[in-house]
């Protein structure tokens, strides 16, 4: 059994770790996610790059709506979403692992995989971000 990316244009999975697929402009140095063929700033052709697996939590919220593939949410349910700033200067909109109170703005985050389905014996995953250390959740 292996992990398989739900969105092959956005990320791939190396073992059990998602890798975000981005672009970098060799002319002006800007990075992008998702990938772009041309730079949004100087219009030069871009190069495909793997983006960092760690970043800093810029902002977050907790939503009480059904999660991917769910038809309803229980009274206590929901999930976190946030924006994570990567070292390349890219801000990623992402699902967060954890519960309200587990995150704080400015905390270090790392990418993780969440299984959402199965396909021919493989686990289909999305990427999400989680605190780098468990202790960071409650500091």
Protein backbone atom coordinates (compact mmCIF):
# COMPACT_ATOMS: atom_id res chain seq x y z
CA UNK A 1 0.00 0.00 0.00
CA UNK A 2 1.25 3.50 -0.88
CA UNK A 3 0.17 7.10 -0.48
CA UNK A 4 -1.25 8.66 -3.65
CA UNK A 5 -1.76 12.40 -4.19
CA UNK A 6 -5.36 13.57 -4.60
CA UNK A 7 -4.13 16.53 -6.70
CA UNK A 8 -1.12 15.43 -8.77
CA UNK A 9 -0.64 18.95 -10.17
CA UNK A 10 -0.27 20.40 -6.66
CA UNK A 11 1.84 17.85 -4.82
CA UNK A 12 3.44 14.45 -5.00
CA UNK A 13 4.14 12.03 -2.18
CA UNK A 14 7.66 10.81 -1.39
CA UNK A 15 7.15 7.81 0.89
CA UNK A 16 4.61 9.26 3.31
CA UNK A 17 5.56 12.95 2.99
CA UNK A 18 3.81 15.34 0.57
CA UNK A 19 6.04 17.59 -1.54
CA UNK A 20 4.49 20.82 -2.82
CA UNK A 21 5.12 21.47 -6.52
CA UNK A 22 5.93 25.08 -7.22
CA UNK A 23 7.64 27.30 -9.76
CA UNK A 24 10.52 29.74 -9.53
CA UNK A 25 11.35 32.54 -11.92
CA UNK A 26 15.04 32.52 -12.85
CA UNK A 27 14.80 36.16 -13.99
CA UNK A 28 13.38 37.84 -10.87
CA UNK A 29 13.60 35.06 -8.26
CA UNK A 30 9.91 34.93 -7.32
CA UNK A 31 8.39 31.60 -6.36
CA UNK A 32 4.79 30.47 -6.90
CA UNK A 33 2.28 27.89 -5.77
CA UNK A 34 0.62 26.33 -7.58
CA UNK A 35 2.99 26.02 -10.52
CA UNK A 36 2.99 28.69 -13.22
CA UNK A 37 4.48 28.50 -16.70
CA UNK A 38 5.23 32.22 -16.67
CA UNK A 39 6.16 34.59 -13.87
CA UNK A 40 3.23 36.72 -12.72
CA UNK A 41 5.63 39.65 -12.14
CA UNK A 42 8.04 39.77 -15.10
CA UNK A 43 6.41 37.22 -17.47
CA UNK A 44 9.62 35.18 -17.88
CA UNK A 45 9.37 31.39 -18.23
CA UNK A 46 9.58 29.64 -14.85
CA UNK A 47 11.32 26.50 -13.63
CA UNK A 48 9.53 23.75 -11.70
CA UNK A 49 10.77 23.42 -8.10
CA UNK A 50 9.90 21.51 -4.95
CA UNK A 51 8.86 23.89 -2.19
CA UNK A 52 9.94 23.71 1.45
CA UNK A 53 8.21 21.29 3.80
CA UNK A 54 8.27 23.75 6.71
CA UNK A 55 7.02 27.29 7.18
CA UNK A 56 5.45 29.75 9.61
CA UNK A 57 1.75 30.03 10.42
CA UNK A 58 0.55 33.42 9.16
CA UNK A 59 -3.11 33.14 10.19
CA UNK A 60 -5.77 30.51 10.88
CA UNK A 61 -9.40 29.81 11.64
CA UNK A 62 -11.56 26.84 12.54
CA UNK A 63 -14.47 26.08 10.25
CA UNK A 64 -17.54 24.10 11.17
CA UNK A 65 -18.53 22.74 7.78
CA UNK A 66 -18.26 19.25 6.34
CA UNK A 67 -14.72 18.14 5.48
CA UNK A 68 -13.73 16.68 2.09
CA UNK A 69 -16.01 13.81 1.16
CA UNK A 70 -18.29 14.25 4.17
CA UNK A 71 -21.95 15.06 3.83
CA UNK A 72 -22.44 16.57 7.25
CA UNK A 73 -20.51 17.73 10.27
CA UNK A 74 -21.39 16.71 13.80
CA UNK A 75 -22.17 19.40 16.38
CA UNK A 76 -18.60 19.37 17.72
CA UNK A 77 -16.85 18.82 14.37
CA UNK A 78 -14.95 20.97 11.97
CA UNK A 79 -11.36 21.50 10.91
CA UNK A 80 -8.66 24.14 10.90
CA UNK A 81 -7.55 26.08 7.86
CA UNK A 82 -4.68 28.50 7.71
CA UNK A 83 -2.08 30.26 5.67
CA UNK A 84 1.52 29.11 6.00
CA UNK A 85 4.41 31.24 4.77
CA UNK A 86 7.20 29.20 3.19
CA UNK A 87 10.85 30.36 3.07
CA UNK A 88 10.54 30.84 -0.71
CA UNK A 89 8.11 33.72 -0.13
CA UNK A 90 5.02 31.67 -1.01
CA UNK A 91 1.92 31.73 1.21
CA UNK A 92 0.03 28.41 1.15
CA UNK A 93 -3.70 28.10 1.94
CA UNK A 94 -3.97 24.76 3.73
CA UNK A 95 -5.88 22.46 6.03
CA UNK A 96 -4.36 22.34 9.53
CA UNK A 97 -3.99 19.29 11.73
CA UNK A 98 -5.33 19.80 15.23
CA UNK A 99 -8.11 21.47 17.13
CA UNK A 100 -8.85 25.04 18.22
CA UNK A 101 -6.15 26.09 20.69
CA UNK A 102 -3.45 23.99 18.99
CA UNK A 103 -2.16 26.84 16.79
CA UNK A 104 -0.80 30.33 17.24
CA UNK A 105 0.28 32.89 14.68
CA UNK A 106 4.03 32.73 14.05
CA UNK A 107 4.49 29.11 15.10
CA UNK A 108 6.64 26.79 12.97
CA UNK A 109 4.64 24.33 10.87
CA UNK A 110 5.51 21.31 8.72
CA UNK A 111 3.70 19.48 5.95
CA UNK A 112 1.90 16.21 6.61
CA UNK A 113 -0.39 13.82 4.71
CA UNK A 114 -3.99 13.05 5.61
CA UNK A 115 -5.68 9.96 4.20
CA UNK A 116 -9.12 10.81 2.81
CA UNK A 117 -9.91 7.80 0.60
CA UNK A 118 -8.64 4.51 -0.80
CA UNK A 119 -8.06 3.60 -4.45
CA UNK A 120 -7.11 0.09 -5.53
CA UNK A 121 -5.38 -0.57 -2.21
CA UNK A 122 -3.53 2.76 -2.06
CA UNK A 123 -4.32 5.55 0.40
CA UNK A 124 -5.39 8.77 -1.34
CA UNK A 125 -4.06 11.77 0.59
CA UNK A 126 -4.29 15.54 0.79
CA UNK A 127 -1.53 17.70 2.22
CA UNK A 128 -2.03 19.62 5.43
CA UNK A 129 0.25 21.42 7.85
CA UNK A 130 0.81 20.71 11.52
CA UNK A 131 2.92 22.25 14.30
CA UNK A 132 6.59 21.22 14.05
CA UNK A 133 6.53 19.96 17.64
CA UNK A 134 3.66 18.73 19.74
CA UNK A 135 4.84 20.97 22.59
CA UNK A 136 4.48 24.02 20.32
CA UNK A 137 0.72 23.38 20.23
CA UNK A 138 0.27 24.26 23.87
CA UNK A 139 3.05 26.77 24.52
